[in-house]
PDB file of all heavy atoms in Angstrom:
ATOM      1  N   ALA A   1      57.621 -55.687  94.907  1.00  0.00           N
ATOM      2  CA  ALA A   1      58.848 -56.205  95.319  1.00  0.00           C
ATOM      3  C   ALA A   1      59.016 -56.066  96.905  1.00  0.00           C
ATOM      4  O   ALA A   1      58.771 -54.886  97.361  1.00  0.00           O
ATOM      5  CB  ALA A   1      60.034 -55.522  94.561  1.00  0.00           C
ATOM      6  N   GLY A   2      59.391 -57.093  97.578  1.00  0.00           N
ATOM      7  CA  GLY A   2      59.547 -57.002  98.975  1.00  0.00           C
ATOM      8  C   GLY A   2      58.286 -57.429  99.745  1.00  0.00           C
ATOM      9  O   GLY A   2      58.383 -57.647 100.988  1.00  0.00           O
ATOM     10  N   ASP A   3      57.172 -57.432  99.120  1.00  0.00           N
ATOM     11  CA  ASP A   3      56.014 -57.765  99.833  1.00  0.00           C
ATOM     12  C   ASP A   3      55.733 -59.311  99.959  1.00  0.00           C
ATOM     13  O   ASP A   3      56.065 -60.040  99.085  1.00  0.00           O
ATOM     14  CB  ASP A   3      54.669 -57.192  99.071  1.00  0.00           C
ATOM     15  CG  ASP A   3      54.624 -55.677  99.022  1.00  0.00           C
ATOM     16  OD1 ASP A   3      55.414 -55.113  99.748  1.00  0.00           O
ATOM     17  OD2 ASP A   3      53.859 -55.168  98.294  1.00  0.00           O
ATOM     18  N   VAL A   4      55.134 -59.685 101.048  1.00  0.00           N
ATOM     19  CA  VAL A   4      54.755 -61.099 101.320  1.00  0.00           C
ATOM     20  C   VAL A   4      53.368 -61.245 100.639  1.00  0.00           C
ATOM     21  O   VAL A   4      52.538 -60.494 100.918  1.00  0.00           O
ATOM     22  CB  VAL A   4      54.709 -61.455 102.662  1.00  0.00           C
ATOM     23  CG1 VAL A   4      54.170 -62.846 102.932  1.00  0.00           C
ATOM     24  CG2 VAL A   4      56.077 -61.329 103.346  1.00  0.00           C
ATOM     25  N   ILE A   5      53.284 -62.359  99.827  1.00  0.00           N
ATOM     26  CA  ILE A   5      51.924 -62.704  99.251  1.00  0.00           C
ATOM     27  C   ILE A   5      51.037 -63.174 100.307  1.00  0.00           C
ATOM     28  O   ILE A   5      51.342 -64.232 100.917  1.00  0.00           O
ATOM     29  CB  ILE A   5      52.054 -63.695  98.202  1.00  0.00           C
ATOM     30  CG1 ILE A   5      52.932 -63.120  96.906  1.00  0.00           C
ATOM     31  CG2 ILE A   5      50.707 -64.103  97.624  1.00  0.00           C
ATOM     32  CD1 ILE A   5      53.301 -64.142  95.909  1.00  0.00           C
ATOM     33  N   PRO A   6      49.964 -62.496 100.743  1.00  0.00           N
ATOM     34  CA  PRO A   6      49.241 -62.791 101.956  1.00  0.00           C
ATOM     35  C   PRO A   6      48.450 -64.063 101.915  1.00  0.00           C
ATOM     36  O   PRO A   6      48.123 -64.737 102.830  1.00  0.00           O
ATOM     37  CB  PRO A   6      48.424 -61.537 102.238  1.00  0.00           C
ATOM     38  CG  PRO A   6      48.176 -60.976 100.864  1.00  0.00           C
ATOM     39  CD  PRO A   6      49.425 -61.217 100.109  1.00  0.00           C
ATOM     40  N   VAL A   7      47.894 -64.366 100.733  1.00  0.00           N
ATOM     41  CA  VAL A   7      46.945 -65.463 100.528  1.00  0.00           C
ATOM     42  C   VAL A   7      47.255 -66.195  99.186  1.00  0.00           C
ATOM     43  O   VAL A   7      47.842 -65.641  98.246  1.00  0.00           O
ATOM     44  CB  VAL A   7      45.507 -65.046 100.527  1.00  0.00           C
ATOM     45  CG1 VAL A   7      45.071 -64.521 101.851  1.00  0.00           C
ATOM     46  CG2 VAL A   7      45.231 -63.985  99.490  1.00  0.00           C
ATOM     47  N   ASP A   8      46.590 -67.397  99.025  1.00  0.00           N
ATOM     48  CA  ASP A   8      46.764 -68.023  97.676  1.00  0.00           C
ATOM     49  C   ASP A   8      46.035 -67.290  96.729  1.00  0.00           C
ATOM     50  O   ASP A   8      44.888 -66.635  96.990  1.00  0.00           O
ATOM     51  CB  ASP A   8      46.217 -69.427  97.791  1.00  0.00           C
ATOM     52  CG  ASP A   8      46.925 -70.371  98.650  1.00  0.00           C
ATOM     53  OD1 ASP A   8      48.044 -69.932  99.138  1.00  0.00           O
ATOM     54  OD2 ASP A   8      46.494 -71.543  98.993  1.00  0.00           O
ATOM     55  N   GLY A   9      46.484 -67.245  95.488  1.00  0.00           N
ATOM     56  CA  GLY A   9      45.748 -66.500  94.380  1.00  0.00           C
ATOM     57  C   GLY A   9      46.290 -66.807  93.085  1.00  0.00           C
ATOM     58  O   GLY A   9      47.103 -67.633  92.877  1.00  0.00           O
ATOM     59  N   GLU A  10      45.605 -66.115  92.036  1.00  0.00           N
ATOM     60  CA  GLU A  10      45.960 -66.297  90.679  1.00  0.00           C
ATOM     61  C   GLU A  10      46.340 -64.972  90.189  1.00  0.00           C
ATOM     62  O   GLU A  10      45.662 -63.933  90.320  1.00  0.00           O
ATOM     63  CB  GLU A  10      44.740 -66.845  89.920  1.00  0.00           C
ATOM     64  CG  GLU A  10      44.988 -67.591  88.678  1.00  0.00           C
ATOM     65  CD  GLU A  10      45.451 -69.059  88.859  1.00  0.00           C
ATOM     66  OE1 GLU A  10      45.165 -69.612  90.015  1.00  0.00           O
ATOM     67  OE2 GLU A  10      46.123 -69.587  87.995  1.00  0.00           O
ATOM     68  N   ILE A  11      47.514 -64.920  89.455  1.00  0.00           N
ATOM     69  CA  ILE A  11      48.018 -63.707  88.843  1.00  0.00           C
ATOM     70  C   ILE A  11      47.186 -63.455  87.652  1.00  0.00           C
ATOM     71  O   ILE A  11      47.020 -64.152  86.747  1.00  0.00           O
ATOM     72  CB  ILE A  11      49.416 -63.807  88.457  1.00  0.00           C
ATOM     73  CG1 ILE A  11      50.323 -64.190  89.712  1.00  0.00           C
ATOM     74  CG2 ILE A  11      50.081 -62.466  87.804  1.00  0.00           C
ATOM     75  CD1 ILE A  11      51.875 -64.392  89.325  1.00  0.00           C
ATOM     76  N   ILE A  12      46.643 -62.112  87.646  1.00  0.00           N
ATOM     77  CA  ILE A  12      45.799 -61.714  86.438  1.00  0.00           C
ATOM     78  C   ILE A  12      46.551 -60.630  85.714  1.00  0.00           C
ATOM     79  O   ILE A  12      46.169 -60.375  84.649  1.00  0.00           O
ATOM     80  CB  ILE A  12      44.418 -61.081  86.963  1.00  0.00           C
ATOM     81  CG1 ILE A  12      44.666 -59.886  87.877  1.00  0.00           C
ATOM     82  CG2 ILE A  12      43.655 -62.145  87.710  1.00  0.00           C
ATOM     83  CD1 ILE A  12      43.432 -59.121  88.181  1.00  0.00           C
ATOM     84  N   GLU A  13      47.649 -60.085  86.197  1.00  0.00           N
ATOM     85  CA  GLU A  13      48.335 -59.106  85.406  1.00  0.00           C
ATOM     86  C   GLU A  13      49.812 -58.947  86.051  1.00  0.00           C
ATOM     87  O   GLU A  13      50.006 -59.104  87.270  1.00  0.00           O
ATOM     88  CB  GLU A  13      47.764 -57.706  85.513  1.00  0.00           C
ATOM     89  CG  GLU A  13      48.459 -56.617  84.694  1.00  0.00           C
ATOM     90  CD  GLU A  13      47.704 -55.267  84.750  1.00  0.00           C
ATOM     91  OE1 GLU A  13      46.554 -55.316  85.193  1.00  0.00           O
ATOM     92  OE2 GLU A  13      48.408 -54.305  84.366  1.00  0.00           O
ATOM     93  N   GLY A  14      50.819 -58.920  85.135  1.00  0.00           N
ATOM     94  CA  GLY A  14      52.133 -58.777  85.610  1.00  0.00           C
ATOM     95  C   GLY A  14      52.923 -60.046  85.687  1.00  0.00           C
ATOM     96  O   GLY A  14      52.453 -61.099  85.477  1.00  0.00           O
ATOM     97  N   VAL A  15      54.302 -59.791  85.881  1.00  0.00           N
ATOM     98  CA  VAL A  15      55.189 -60.890  85.942  1.00  0.00           C
ATOM     99  C   VAL A  15      56.205 -60.549  87.069  1.00  0.00           C
ATOM    100  O   VAL A  15      56.595 -59.368  87.203  1.00  0.00           O
ATOM    101  CB  VAL A  15      55.959 -61.302  84.700  1.00  0.00           C
ATOM    102  CG1 VAL A  15      56.674 -59.966  84.201  1.00  0.00           C
ATOM    103  CG2 VAL A  15      56.958 -62.359  84.873  1.00  0.00           C
ATOM    104  N   ALA A  16      56.497 -61.456  87.939  1.00  0.00           N
ATOM    105  CA  ALA A  16      57.431 -61.147  89.090  1.00  0.00           C
ATOM    106  C   ALA A  16      58.213 -62.426  89.392  1.00  0.00           C
ATOM    107  O   ALA A  16      57.889 -63.451  89.072  1.00  0.00           O
ATOM    108  CB  ALA A  16      56.664 -60.717  90.234  1.00  0.00           C
ATOM    109  N   SER A  17      59.376 -62.156  89.995  1.00  0.00           N
ATOM    110  CA  SER A  17      60.324 -63.151  90.549  1.00  0.00           C
ATOM    111  C   SER A  17      59.770 -63.411  92.039  1.00  0.00           C
ATOM    112  O   SER A  17      59.720 -62.390  92.829  1.00  0.00           O
ATOM    113  CB  SER A  17      61.677 -62.731  90.493  1.00  0.00           C
ATOM    114  OG  SER A  17      62.517 -63.630  91.102  1.00  0.00           O
ATOM    115  N   VAL A  18      59.512 -64.654  92.331  1.00  0.00           N
ATOM    116  CA  VAL A  18      58.937 -64.914  93.670  1.00  0.00           C
ATOM    117  C   VAL A  18      59.809 -66.011  94.391  1.00  0.00           C
ATOM    118  O   VAL A  18      60.188 -66.973  93.894  1.00  0.00           O
ATOM    119  CB  VAL A  18      57.544 -65.560  93.568  1.00  0.00           C
ATOM    120  CG1 VAL A  18      56.948 -65.895  94.847  1.00  0.00           C
ATOM    121  CG2 VAL A  18      56.622 -64.672  92.829  1.00  0.00           C
ATOM    122  N   ASN A  19      60.125 -65.629  95.642  1.00  0.00           N
ATOM    123  CA  ASN A  19      60.897 -66.474  96.541  1.00  0.00           C
ATOM    124  C   ASN A  19      59.895 -67.405  97.329  1.00  0.00           C
ATOM    125  O   ASN A  19      59.100 -66.994  98.066  1.00  0.00           O
ATOM    126  CB  ASN A  19      61.750 -65.623  97.520  1.00  0.00           C
ATOM    127  CG  ASN A  19      62.593 -66.517  98.439  1.00  0.00           C
ATOM    128  OD1 ASN A  19      62.491 -67.694  98.445  1.00  0.00           O
ATOM    129  ND2 ASN A  19      63.632 -65.906  99.133  1.00  0.00           N
ATOM    130  N   GLU A  20      60.020 -68.654  96.916  1.00  0.00           N
ATOM    131  CA  GLU A  20      59.129 -69.709  97.569  1.00  0.00           C
ATOM    132  C   GLU A  20      59.921 -70.571  98.582  1.00  0.00           C
ATOM    133  O   GLU A  20      59.379 -71.723  98.830  1.00  0.00           O
ATOM    134  CB  GLU A  20      58.421 -70.489  96.323  1.00  0.00           C
ATOM    135  CG  GLU A  20      57.625 -69.751  95.410  1.00  0.00           C
ATOM    136  CD  GLU A  20      56.902 -70.633  94.424  1.00  0.00           C
ATOM    137  OE1 GLU A  20      57.318 -71.819  94.185  1.00  0.00           O
ATOM    138  OE2 GLU A  20      55.906 -70.096  93.823  1.00  0.00           O
ATOM    139  N   ALA A  21      60.938 -70.105  99.097  1.00  0.00           N
ATOM    140  CA  ALA A  21      61.703 -70.829 100.048  1.00  0.00           C
ATOM    141  C   ALA A  21      60.852 -71.274 101.154  1.00  0.00           C
ATOM    142  O   ALA A  21      61.085 -72.362 101.805  1.00  0.00           O
ATOM    143  CB  ALA A  21      62.908 -70.166 100.543  1.00  0.00           C
ATOM    144  N   ALA A  22      59.894 -70.448 101.579  1.00  0.00           N
ATOM    145  CA  ALA A  22      59.194 -70.856 102.762  1.00  0.00           C
ATOM    146  C   ALA A  22      58.299 -72.031 102.558  1.00  0.00           C
ATOM    147  O   ALA A  22      57.942 -72.703 103.523  1.00  0.00           O
ATOM    148  CB  ALA A  22      58.143 -69.643 103.090  1.00  0.00           C
ATOM    149  N   ILE A  23      58.072 -72.406 101.275  1.00  0.00           N
ATOM    150  CA  ILE A  23      57.178 -73.537 100.915  1.00  0.00           C
ATOM    151  C   ILE A  23      58.085 -74.763 100.488  1.00  0.00           C
ATOM    152  O   ILE A  23      57.963 -75.858 100.873  1.00  0.00           O
ATOM    153  CB  ILE A  23      56.183 -73.123  99.870  1.00  0.00           C
ATOM    154  CG1 ILE A  23      55.347 -71.949 100.269  1.00  0.00           C
ATOM    155  CG2 ILE A  23      55.310 -74.361  99.599  1.00  0.00           C
ATOM    156  CD1 ILE A  23      54.497 -72.174 101.542  1.00  0.00           C
ATOM    157  N   THR A  24      59.027 -74.407  99.584  1.00  0.00           N
ATOM    158  CA  THR A  24      59.702 -75.370  98.927  1.00  0.00           C
ATOM    159  C   THR A  24      61.177 -75.712  99.477  1.00  0.00           C
ATOM    160  O   THR A  24      61.729 -76.644  99.205  1.00  0.00           O
ATOM    161  CB  THR A  24      59.936 -75.199  97.372  1.00  0.00           C
ATOM    162  OG1 THR A  24      60.710 -74.093  97.277  1.00  0.00           O
ATOM    163  CG2 THR A  24      58.514 -75.004  96.736  1.00  0.00           C
ATOM    164  N   GLY A  25      61.618 -74.680 100.230  1.00  0.00           N
ATOM    165  CA  GLY A  25      62.962 -74.906 100.693  1.00  0.00           C
ATOM    166  C   GLY A  25      63.945 -74.379  99.656  1.00  0.00           C
ATOM    167  O   GLY A  25      65.238 -74.308  99.907  1.00  0.00           O
ATOM    168  N   GLU A  26      63.504 -73.993  98.430  1.00  0.00           N
ATOM    169  CA  GLU A  26      64.501 -73.522  97.425  1.00  0.00           C
ATOM    170  C   GLU A  26      64.821 -72.163  97.601  1.00  0.00           C
ATOM    171  O   GLU A  26      63.922 -71.219  97.946  1.00  0.00           O
ATOM    172  CB  GLU A  26      63.786 -73.676  96.019  1.00  0.00           C
ATOM    173  CG  GLU A  26      63.612 -75.099  95.614  1.00  0.00           C
ATOM    174  CD  GLU A  26      64.947 -75.741  95.178  1.00  0.00           C
ATOM    175  OE1 GLU A  26      65.890 -75.132  95.133  1.00  0.00           O
ATOM    176  OE2 GLU A  26      64.905 -77.006  95.062  1.00  0.00           O
ATOM    177  N   SER A  27      66.159 -71.763  97.507  1.00  0.00           N
ATOM    178  CA  SER A  27      66.457 -70.404  97.778  1.00  0.00           C
ATOM    179  C   SER A  27      66.495 -69.531  96.437  1.00  0.00           C
ATOM    180  O   SER A  27      66.271 -68.368  96.557  1.00  0.00           O
ATOM    181  CB  SER A  27      67.966 -70.395  98.248  1.00  0.00           C
ATOM    182  OG  SER A  27      68.817 -71.089  97.300  1.00  0.00           O
ATOM    183  N   ALA A  28      66.487 -70.180  95.181  1.00  0.00           N
ATOM    184  CA  ALA A  28      66.449 -69.549  94.014  1.00  0.00           C
ATOM    185  C   ALA A  28      64.917 -69.101  93.727  1.00  0.00           C
ATOM    186  O   ALA A  28      64.086 -69.890  93.661  1.00  0.00           O
ATOM    187  CB  ALA A  28      66.964 -70.405  92.920  1.00  0.00           C
TER     188      ALA A  28
END
């Protein structure tokens, strides 16, 4: 939580809420 995902990748474990506003413009 709070970390920026540094590169493109595939989640292999876990579930998280991700803010993609930087890409899509969506705030939710």
